Amino acid sequence: DSVLYSDTDSTAIDFSGGPSPLVIAAPAAGEDIGNGTVNYNVVWSGGSGPYTVRLNGTAVCTNVNASPCAITVGGSNNQNHTVRITDSASGDVSVNFKK
């Protein structure tokens, strides 16, 4: 006497790995974006929206779902400034640039 058994099972595997890391594409670190009052588009990729963009600590774009964020940078020339972007998945990146 012999008894043969056969069984199958399946499960779904998610290979997506979640969102890609939050990265600022523009401005580049140390970039000089110009003189006078400058209108500039902050560009980023990755992360998970909505996003908040801050210029020198002040929120300039809040609850946005995609890049870019238009900013106006005033003040004296040859000064350092910081753009910081946070997302809904605890992503937090910043870059220093000049104007």
Protein backbone atom coordinates (compact mmCIF):
# COMPACT_ATOMS: atom_id res chain seq x y z
CA ASP A 1 0.00 0.00 0.00
CA SER A 2 1.19 3.50 -0.80
CA VAL A 3 -0.54 6.86 -0.53
CA LEU A 4 0.53 9.86 -2.58
CA TYR A 5 -0.25 13.37 -1.51
CA SER A 6 -0.18 16.45 -3.66
CA ASP A 7 -0.52 20.04 -2.44
CA THR A 8 0.07 23.53 -3.80
CA ASP A 9 0.18 26.94 -2.19
CA SER A 10 0.87 30.44 -3.42
CA THR A 11 1.54 33.83 -1.94
CA ALA A 12 2.06 37.28 -3.39
CA ILE A 13 5.50 38.85 -2.99
CA ASP A 14 5.92 42.62 -3.24
CA PHE A 15 9.28 43.48 -4.80
CA SER A 16 8.59 47.21 -5.09
CA GLY A 17 10.52 48.05 -1.91
CA GLY A 18 8.48 51.20 -1.26
CA PRO A 19 9.23 54.71 -2.45
CA SER A 20 12.69 55.72 -3.63
CA PRO A 21 14.71 57.98 -1.33
CA LEU A 22 13.90 61.68 -1.28
CA VAL A 23 16.55 63.60 -3.26
CA ILE A 24 16.87 67.31 -4.11
CA ALA A 25 17.84 67.75 -7.78
CA ALA A 26 17.91 71.57 -7.81
CA PRO A 27 19.42 73.67 -6.47
CA ALA A 28 22.68 71.75 -6.30
CA ALA A 29 24.82 72.03 -3.19
CA GLY A 30 26.82 75.25 -3.31
CA GLU A 31 25.09 76.46 -6.49
CA ASP A 32 24.93 80.22 -7.02
CA ILE A 33 21.43 80.85 -8.37
CA GLY A 34 22.01 84.50 -9.32
CA ASN A 35 21.83 88.08 -8.03
CA GLY A 36 18.97 90.35 -6.99
CA THR A 37 15.57 88.84 -6.30
CA VAL A 38 15.57 85.39 -7.88
CA ASN A 39 12.54 83.26 -8.77
CA TYR A 40 13.63 79.62 -8.70
CA ASN A 41 12.03 76.17 -9.00
CA VAL A 42 13.12 73.72 -6.30
CA VAL A 43 13.09 70.27 -7.92
CA TRP A 44 13.15 66.90 -6.15
CA SER A 45 12.41 63.24 -6.75
CA GLY A 46 11.51 60.22 -4.67
CA GLY A 47 9.93 60.16 -1.27
CA SER A 48 6.23 60.04 -0.63
CA GLY A 49 3.90 63.06 -0.85
CA PRO A 50 2.58 65.27 0.35
CA TYR A 51 5.74 67.35 0.74
CA THR A 52 6.70 70.51 2.62
CA VAL A 53 9.44 72.76 1.24
CA ARG A 54 11.17 75.27 3.52
CA LEU A 55 13.45 78.13 2.58
CA ASN A 56 15.70 79.19 5.46
CA GLY A 57 13.30 77.53 7.91
CA THR A 58 10.10 79.11 6.56
CA ALA A 59 7.54 76.88 4.83
CA VAL A 60 7.10 78.13 1.24
CA CYS A 61 5.21 75.14 -0.22
CA THR A 62 3.04 72.98 2.01
CA ASN A 63 1.01 69.87 1.34
CA VAL A 64 2.21 69.63 -2.29
CA ASN A 65 2.01 66.29 -4.06
CA ALA A 66 4.78 66.71 -6.62
CA SER A 67 7.86 68.69 -7.63
CA PRO A 68 8.60 71.55 -8.36
CA CYS A 69 8.07 74.29 -5.78
CA ALA A 70 8.47 77.90 -6.98
CA ILE A 71 10.39 80.04 -4.50
CA THR A 72 11.51 83.66 -4.43
CA VAL A 73 14.90 84.34 -2.88
CA GLY A 74 15.53 87.96 -1.95
CA GLY A 75 18.01 89.73 0.26
CA SER A 76 21.66 90.50 -0.21
CA ASN A 77 23.80 88.82 -2.82
CA ASN A 78 26.50 86.28 -1.92
CA GLN A 79 24.50 84.96 1.04
CA ASN A 80 24.01 81.30 1.96
CA HIS A 81 20.49 79.86 1.96
CA THR A 82 19.01 76.46 2.80
CA VAL A 83 16.19 74.53 1.16
CA ARG A 84 14.76 71.68 3.22
CA ILE A 85 12.15 69.18 2.02
CA THR A 86 10.21 66.77 4.21
CA ASP A 87 7.72 64.15 3.09
CA SER A 88 4.94 62.06 4.61
CA ALA A 89 7.24 59.05 5.08
CA SER A 90 9.72 60.87 7.38
CA GLY A 91 12.02 61.76 4.50
CA ASP A 92 14.06 64.86 5.34
CA VAL A 93 16.71 66.34 3.04
CA SER A 94 18.30 69.75 2.72
CA VAL A 95 20.79 71.60 0.54
CA ASN A 96 22.75 74.81 1.00
CA PHE A 97 23.12 77.20 -1.93
CA LYS A 98 24.05 80.84 -2.63
CA LYS A 99 22.24 83.81 -4.01
